[in-house]
């Protein structure tokens, strides 16, 4: 997990050094990478849809004691 965090930090630092135009290109590249993996997109969309349902189910007074565990 730490290695992943370090990688993210290094990427963020490199992006901070880019011009606005270069950052826009990086963003486009990232978007194109996402589009190459439709399963990941489907998983992300499904997760977002499910969040609201789970919020309704899990956010209730009967289960409030479990929130403190």
PDB file of N, CA and C in Angstrom:
ATOM      1  N   UNK A   1       0.823  -1.187   0.000  1.00  0.00           N
ATOM      2  CA  UNK A   1       0.000   0.000   0.000  1.00  0.00           C
ATOM      3  C   UNK A   1       0.871   1.256   0.000  1.00  0.00           C
ATOM      4  N   UNK A   2       1.956   1.221   0.753  1.00  0.00           N
ATOM      5  CA  UNK A   2       2.857   2.367   0.831  1.00  0.00           C
ATOM      6  C   UNK A   2       3.488   2.675  -0.528  1.00  0.00           C
ATOM      7  N   UNK A   3       3.850   1.632  -1.265  1.00  0.00           N
ATOM      8  CA  UNK A   3       4.459   1.838  -2.579  1.00  0.00           C
ATOM      9  C   UNK A   3       3.484   2.532  -3.518  1.00  0.00           C
ATOM     10  N   UNK A   4       2.210   2.168  -3.438  1.00  0.00           N
ATOM     11  CA  UNK A   4       1.183   2.797  -4.264  1.00  0.00           C
ATOM     12  C   UNK A   4       1.045   4.269  -3.903  1.00  0.00           C
ATOM     13  N   UNK A   5       1.091   4.568  -2.613  1.00  0.00           N
ATOM     14  CA  UNK A   5       0.992   5.956  -2.149  1.00  0.00           C
ATOM     15  C   UNK A   5       2.185   6.771  -2.636  1.00  0.00           C
ATOM     16  N   UNK A   6       3.377   6.193  -2.572  1.00  0.00           N
ATOM     17  CA  UNK A   6       4.575   6.881  -3.046  1.00  0.00           C
ATOM     18  C   UNK A   6       4.506   7.157  -4.540  1.00  0.00           C
ATOM     19  N   UNK A   7       3.996   6.208  -5.294  1.00  0.00           N
ATOM     20  CA  UNK A   7       3.841   6.382  -6.732  1.00  0.00           C
ATOM     21  C   UNK A   7       2.890   7.540  -7.021  1.00  0.00           C
ATOM     22  N   UNK A   8       1.776   7.575  -6.319  1.00  0.00           N
ATOM     23  CA  UNK A   8       0.810   8.666  -6.509  1.00  0.00           C
ATOM     24  C   UNK A   8       1.448  10.008  -6.173  1.00  0.00           C
ATOM     25  N   UNK A   9       2.209  10.052  -5.096  1.00  0.00           N
ATOM     26  CA  UNK A   9       2.882  11.296  -4.707  1.00  0.00           C
ATOM     27  C   UNK A   9       3.862  11.758  -5.786  1.00  0.00           C
ATOM     28  N   UNK A  10       4.601  10.807  -6.354  1.00  0.00           N
ATOM     29  CA  UNK A  10       5.569  11.159  -7.400  1.00  0.00           C
ATOM     30  C   UNK A  10       4.855  11.696  -8.630  1.00  0.00           C
ATOM     31  N   UNK A  11       3.753  11.057  -9.006  1.00  0.00           N
ATOM     32  CA  UNK A  11       3.000  11.514 -10.178  1.00  0.00           C
ATOM     33  C   UNK A  11       2.426  12.904  -9.932  1.00  0.00           C
ATOM     34  N   UNK A  12       1.875  13.111  -8.757  1.00  0.00           N
ATOM     35  CA  UNK A  12       1.303  14.431  -8.430  1.00  0.00           C
ATOM     36  C   UNK A  12       2.383  15.502  -8.497  1.00  0.00           C
ATOM     37  N   UNK A  13       3.537  15.229  -7.967  1.00  0.00           N
ATOM     38  CA  UNK A  13       4.627  16.209  -7.998  1.00  0.00           C
ATOM     39  C   UNK A  13       5.054  16.521  -9.432  1.00  0.00           C
ATOM     40  N   UNK A  14       5.102  15.517 -10.259  1.00  0.00           N
ATOM     41  CA  UNK A  14       5.475  15.744 -11.661  1.00  0.00           C
ATOM     42  C   UNK A  14       4.415  16.567 -12.383  1.00  0.00           C
ATOM     43  N   UNK A  15       3.148  16.278 -12.132  1.00  0.00           N
ATOM     44  CA  UNK A  15       2.062  17.020 -12.776  1.00  0.00           C
ATOM     45  C   UNK A  15       2.089  18.483 -12.335  1.00  0.00           C
ATOM     46  N   UNK A  16       2.419  18.732 -11.090  1.00  0.00           N
ATOM     47  CA  UNK A  16       2.477  20.109 -10.580  1.00  0.00           C
ATOM     48  C   UNK A  16       3.493  20.956 -11.345  1.00  0.00           C
ATOM     49  N   UNK A  17       4.482  20.319 -11.938  1.00  0.00           N
ATOM     50  CA  UNK A  17       5.539  21.034 -12.650  1.00  0.00           C
ATOM     51  C   UNK A  17       5.187  21.315 -14.111  1.00  0.00           C
ATOM     52  N   UNK A  18       4.050  20.810 -14.572  1.00  0.00           N
ATOM     53  CA  UNK A  18       3.666  20.972 -15.973  1.00  0.00           C
ATOM     54  C   UNK A  18       2.896  22.269 -16.194  1.00  0.00           C
ATOM     55  N   UNK A  19       2.881  22.696 -17.442  1.00  0.00           N
ATOM     56  CA  UNK A  19       2.087  23.867 -17.815  1.00  0.00           C
ATOM     57  C   UNK A  19       0.611  23.467 -17.879  1.00  0.00           C
ATOM     58  N   UNK A  20      -0.258  24.455 -17.960  1.00  0.00           N
ATOM     59  CA  UNK A  20      -1.696  24.194 -18.044  1.00  0.00           C
ATOM     60  C   UNK A  20      -2.028  23.354 -19.271  1.00  0.00           C
ATOM     61  N   UNK A  21      -1.385  23.658 -20.389  1.00  0.00           N
ATOM     62  CA  UNK A  21      -1.627  22.902 -21.609  1.00  0.00           C
ATOM     63  C   UNK A  21      -1.177  21.446 -21.458  1.00  0.00           C
ATOM     64  N   UNK A  22      -0.043  21.249 -20.820  1.00  0.00           N
ATOM     65  CA  UNK A  22       0.459  19.893 -20.616  1.00  0.00           C
ATOM     66  C   UNK A  22      -0.458  19.107 -19.673  1.00  0.00           C
ATOM     67  N   UNK A  23      -0.962  19.772 -18.657  1.00  0.00           N
ATOM     68  CA  UNK A  23      -1.879  19.119 -17.715  1.00  0.00           C
ATOM     69  C   UNK A  23      -3.148  18.681 -18.445  1.00  0.00           C
ATOM     70  N   UNK A  24      -3.627  19.501 -19.365  1.00  0.00           N
ATOM     71  CA  UNK A  24      -4.809  19.135 -20.153  1.00  0.00           C
ATOM     72  C   UNK A  24      -4.533  17.878 -20.976  1.00  0.00           C
ATOM     73  N   UNK A  25      -3.325  17.774 -21.516  1.00  0.00           N
ATOM     74  CA  UNK A  25      -2.957  16.577 -22.285  1.00  0.00           C
ATOM     75  C   UNK A  25      -2.885  15.346 -21.381  1.00  0.00           C
ATOM     76  N   UNK A  26      -2.349  15.530 -20.192  1.00  0.00           N
ATOM     77  CA  UNK A  26      -2.279  14.424 -19.232  1.00  0.00           C
ATOM     78  C   UNK A  26      -3.692  13.951 -18.892  1.00  0.00           C
ATOM     79  N   UNK A  27      -4.589  14.885 -18.685  1.00  0.00           N
ATOM     80  CA  UNK A  27      -5.970  14.532 -18.371  1.00  0.00           C
ATOM     81  C   UNK A  27      -6.615  13.759 -19.525  1.00  0.00           C
ATOM     82  N   UNK A  28      -6.372  14.203 -20.739  1.00  0.00           N
ATOM     83  CA  UNK A  28      -6.901  13.490 -21.904  1.00  0.00           C
ATOM     84  C   UNK A  28      -6.331  12.076 -21.983  1.00  0.00           C
ATOM     85  N   UNK A  29      -5.053  11.956 -21.687  1.00  0.00           N
ATOM     86  CA  UNK A  29      -4.418  10.636 -21.707  1.00  0.00           C
ATOM     87  C   UNK A  29      -5.039   9.717 -20.664  1.00  0.00           C
ATOM     88  N   UNK A  30      -5.251  10.239 -19.476  1.00  0.00           N
ATOM     89  CA  UNK A  30      -5.874   9.445 -18.409  1.00  0.00           C
ATOM     90  C   UNK A  30      -7.271   9.007 -18.829  1.00  0.00           C
ATOM     91  N   UNK A  31      -8.033   9.921 -19.412  1.00  0.00           N
ATOM     92  CA  UNK A  31      -9.378   9.579 -19.888  1.00  0.00           C
ATOM     93  C   UNK A  31      -9.323   8.480 -20.940  1.00  0.00           C
ATOM     94  N   UNK A  32      -8.330   8.551 -21.832  1.00  0.00           N
ATOM     95  CA  UNK A  32      -8.221   7.521 -22.867  1.00  0.00           C
ATOM     96  C   UNK A  32      -7.855   6.168 -22.259  1.00  0.00           C
ATOM     97  N   UNK A  33      -7.051   6.164 -21.208  1.00  0.00           N
ATOM     98  CA  UNK A  33      -6.728   4.910 -20.522  1.00  0.00           C
ATOM     99  C   UNK A  33      -7.978   4.293 -19.908  1.00  0.00           C
ATOM    100  N   UNK A  34      -8.810   5.129 -19.309  1.00  0.00           N
ATOM    101  CA  UNK A  34     -10.057   4.632 -18.719  1.00  0.00           C
ATOM    102  C   UNK A  34     -10.956   4.022 -19.777  1.00  0.00           C
ATOM    103  N   UNK A  35     -11.036   4.658 -20.923  1.00  0.00           N
ATOM    104  CA  UNK A  35     -11.906   4.177 -22.001  1.00  0.00           C
ATOM    105  C   UNK A  35     -11.423   2.842 -22.556  1.00  0.00           C
ATOM    106  N   UNK A  36     -10.144   2.555 -22.410  1.00  0.00           N
ATOM    107  CA  UNK A  36      -9.599   1.294 -22.906  1.00  0.00           C
ATOM    108  C   UNK A  36     -10.023   0.119 -22.044  1.00  0.00           C
ATOM    109  N   UNK A  37     -10.528   0.389 -20.846  1.00  0.00           N
ATOM    110  CA  UNK A  37     -10.925  -0.674 -19.930  1.00  0.00           C
ATOM    111  C   UNK A  37     -12.406  -0.518 -19.593  1.00  0.00           C
ATOM    112  N   UNK A  38     -13.298  -0.992 -20.482  1.00  0.00           N
ATOM    113  CA  UNK A  38     -14.732  -0.806 -20.249  1.00  0.00           C
ATOM    114  C   UNK A  38     -15.238  -1.519 -18.997  1.00  0.00           C
ATOM    115  N   UNK A  39     -14.595  -2.613 -18.596  1.00  0.00           N
ATOM    116  CA  UNK A  39     -15.013  -3.298 -17.378  1.00  0.00           C
ATOM    117  C   UNK A  39     -14.821  -2.415 -16.155  1.00  0.00           C
ATOM    118  N   UNK A  40     -13.734  -1.676 -16.143  1.00  0.00           N
ATOM    119  CA  UNK A  40     -13.476  -0.767 -15.025  1.00  0.00           C
ATOM    120  C   UNK A  40     -14.526   0.340 -14.990  1.00  0.00           C
ATOM    121  N   UNK A  41     -14.899   0.836 -16.167  1.00  0.00           N
ATOM    122  CA  UNK A  41     -15.936   1.864 -16.252  1.00  0.00           C
ATOM    123  C   UNK A  41     -17.259   1.326 -15.723  1.00  0.00           C
ATOM    124  N   UNK A  42     -17.611   0.112 -16.120  1.00  0.00           N
ATOM    125  CA  UNK A  42     -18.853  -0.503 -15.679  1.00  0.00           C
ATOM    126  C   UNK A  42     -18.848  -0.690 -14.161  1.00  0.00           C
ATOM    127  N   UNK A  43     -17.728  -1.125 -13.629  1.00  0.00           N
ATOM    128  CA  UNK A  43     -17.607  -1.310 -12.186  1.00  0.00           C
ATOM    129  C   UNK A  43     -17.768   0.017 -11.461  1.00  0.00           C
ATOM    130  N   UNK A  44     -17.126   1.058 -11.966  1.00  0.00           N
ATOM    131  CA  UNK A  44     -17.221   2.372 -11.340  1.00  0.00           C
ATOM    132  C   UNK A  44     -18.652   2.894 -11.366  1.00  0.00           C
ATOM    133  N   UNK A  45     -19.303   2.785 -12.497  1.00  0.00           N
ATOM    134  CA  UNK A  45     -20.687   3.256 -12.626  1.00  0.00           C
ATOM    135  C   UNK A  45     -21.608   2.454 -11.707  1.00  0.00           C
ATOM    136  N   UNK A  46     -21.431   1.143 -11.679  1.00  0.00           N
ATOM    137  CA  UNK A  46     -22.263   0.290 -10.819  1.00  0.00           C
ATOM    138  C   UNK A  46     -22.076   0.632  -9.357  1.00  0.00           C
ATOM    139  N   UNK A  47     -20.847   0.898  -8.981  1.00  0.00           N
ATOM    140  CA  UNK A  47     -20.561   1.261  -7.596  1.00  0.00           C
ATOM    141  C   UNK A  47     -21.238   2.570  -7.227  1.00  0.00           C
ATOM    142  N   UNK A  48     -21.158   3.544  -8.108  1.00  0.00           N
ATOM    143  CA  UNK A  48     -21.791   4.839  -7.843  1.00  0.00           C
ATOM    144  C   UNK A  48     -23.300   4.693  -7.697  1.00  0.00           C
ATOM    145  N   UNK A  49     -23.904   3.881  -8.540  1.00  0.00           N
ATOM    146  CA  UNK A  49     -25.347   3.659  -8.464  1.00  0.00           C
ATOM    147  C   UNK A  49     -25.709   2.959  -7.149  1.00  0.00           C
ATOM    148  N   UNK A  50     -24.916   1.982  -6.771  1.00  0.00           N
ATOM    149  CA  UNK A  50     -25.205   1.212  -5.562  1.00  0.00           C
ATOM    150  C   UNK A  50     -25.027   2.033  -4.291  1.00  0.00           C
ATOM    151  N   UNK A  51     -24.161   3.041  -4.308  1.00  0.00           N
ATOM    152  CA  UNK A  51     -23.902   3.832  -3.107  1.00  0.00           C
ATOM    153  C   UNK A  51     -25.177   4.426  -2.525  1.00  0.00           C
ATOM    154  N   UNK A  52     -26.019   4.995  -3.359  1.00  0.00           N
ATOM    155  CA  UNK A  52     -27.236   5.619  -2.848  1.00  0.00           C
ATOM    156  C   UNK A  52     -28.172   4.585  -2.234  1.00  0.00           C
ATOM    157  N   UNK A  53     -28.227   3.404  -2.843  1.00  0.00           N
ATOM    158  CA  UNK A  53     -29.077   2.346  -2.296  1.00  0.00           C
ATOM    159  C   UNK A  53     -28.547   1.891  -0.943  1.00  0.00           C
ATOM    160  N   UNK A  54     -27.236   1.660  -0.873  1.00  0.00           N
ATOM    161  CA  UNK A  54     -26.652   1.232   0.392  1.00  0.00           C
ATOM    162  C   UNK A  54     -26.800   2.299   1.472  1.00  0.00           C
ATOM    163  N   UNK A  55     -26.675   3.558   1.101  1.00  0.00           N
ATOM    164  CA  UNK A  55     -26.859   4.635   2.066  1.00  0.00           C
ATOM    165  C   UNK A  55     -28.237   4.561   2.708  1.00  0.00           C
ATOM    166  N   UNK A  56     -29.247   4.318   1.890  1.00  0.00           N
ATOM    167  CA  UNK A  56     -30.618   4.229   2.412  1.00  0.00           C
ATOM    168  C   UNK A  56     -30.777   3.026   3.335  1.00  0.00           C
ATOM    169  N   UNK A  57     -30.169   1.910   2.964  1.00  0.00           N
ATOM    170  CA  UNK A  57     -30.313   0.687   3.752  1.00  0.00           C
ATOM    171  C   UNK A  57     -29.509   0.769   5.039  1.00  0.00           C
ATOM    172  N   UNK A  58     -28.282   1.269   4.955  1.00  0.00           N
ATOM    173  CA  UNK A  58     -27.396   1.246   6.105  1.00  0.00           C
ATOM    174  C   UNK A  58     -27.584   2.427   7.041  1.00  0.00           C
ATOM    175  N   UNK A  59     -28.149   3.503   6.572  1.00  0.00           N
ATOM    176  CA  UNK A  59     -28.307   4.692   7.413  1.00  0.00           C
ATOM    177  C   UNK A  59     -29.671   4.644   8.095  1.00  0.00           C
ATOM    178  N   UNK A  60     -29.711   3.887   9.195  1.00  0.00           N
ATOM    179  CA  UNK A  60     -30.962   3.766   9.939  1.00  0.00           C
ATOM    180  C   UNK A  60     -30.664   3.669  11.427  1.00  0.00           C
ATOM    181  N   UNK A  61     -31.623   4.048  12.262  1.00  0.00           N
ATOM    182  CA  UNK A  61     -31.382   4.063  13.719  1.00  0.00           C
ATOM    183  C   UNK A  61     -31.077   2.686  14.295  1.00  0.00           C
ATOM    184  N   UNK A  62     -31.637   1.636  13.720  1.00  0.00           N
ATOM    185  CA  UNK A  62     -31.411   0.288  14.259  1.00  0.00           C
ATOM    186  C   UNK A  62     -29.946  -0.131  14.158  1.00  0.00           C
ATOM    187  N   UNK A  63     -29.275   0.324  13.115  1.00  0.00           N
ATOM    188  CA  UNK A  63     -27.877  -0.059  12.902  1.00  0.00           C
ATOM    189  C   UNK A  63     -26.887   0.988  13.392  1.00  0.00           C
ATOM    190  N   UNK A  64     -27.366   2.035  14.021  1.00  0.00           N
ATOM    191  CA  UNK A  64     -26.485   3.115  14.456  1.00  0.00           C
ATOM    192  C   UNK A  64     -25.417   2.642  15.422  1.00  0.00           C
ATOM    193  N   UNK A  65     -25.716   1.624  16.237  1.00  0.00           N
ATOM    194  CA  UNK A  65     -24.716   1.103  17.190  1.00  0.00           C
ATOM    195  C   UNK A  65     -23.509   0.532  16.465  1.00  0.00           C
ATOM    196  N   UNK A  66     -23.704  -0.031  15.299  1.00  0.00           N
ATOM    197  CA  UNK A  66     -22.603  -0.611  14.539  1.00  0.00           C
ATOM    198  C   UNK A  66     -21.664   0.456  13.970  1.00  0.00           C
ATOM    199  N   UNK A  67     -22.160   1.675  13.811  1.00  0.00           N
ATOM    200  CA  UNK A  67     -21.322   2.754  13.308  1.00  0.00           C
ATOM    201  C   UNK A  67     -20.175   3.081  14.246  1.00  0.00           C
ATOM    202  N   UNK A  68     -20.352   2.789  15.518  1.00  0.00           N
ATOM    203  CA  UNK A  68     -19.352   3.123  16.529  1.00  0.00           C
ATOM    204  C   UNK A  68     -18.336   2.008  16.760  1.00  0.00           C
ATOM    205  N   UNK A  69     -18.478   0.887  16.078  1.00  0.00           N
ATOM    206  CA  UNK A  69     -17.531  -0.233  16.278  1.00  0.00           C
ATOM    207  C   UNK A  69     -16.226   0.022  15.598  1.00  0.00           C
TER     208      UNK A  69
END
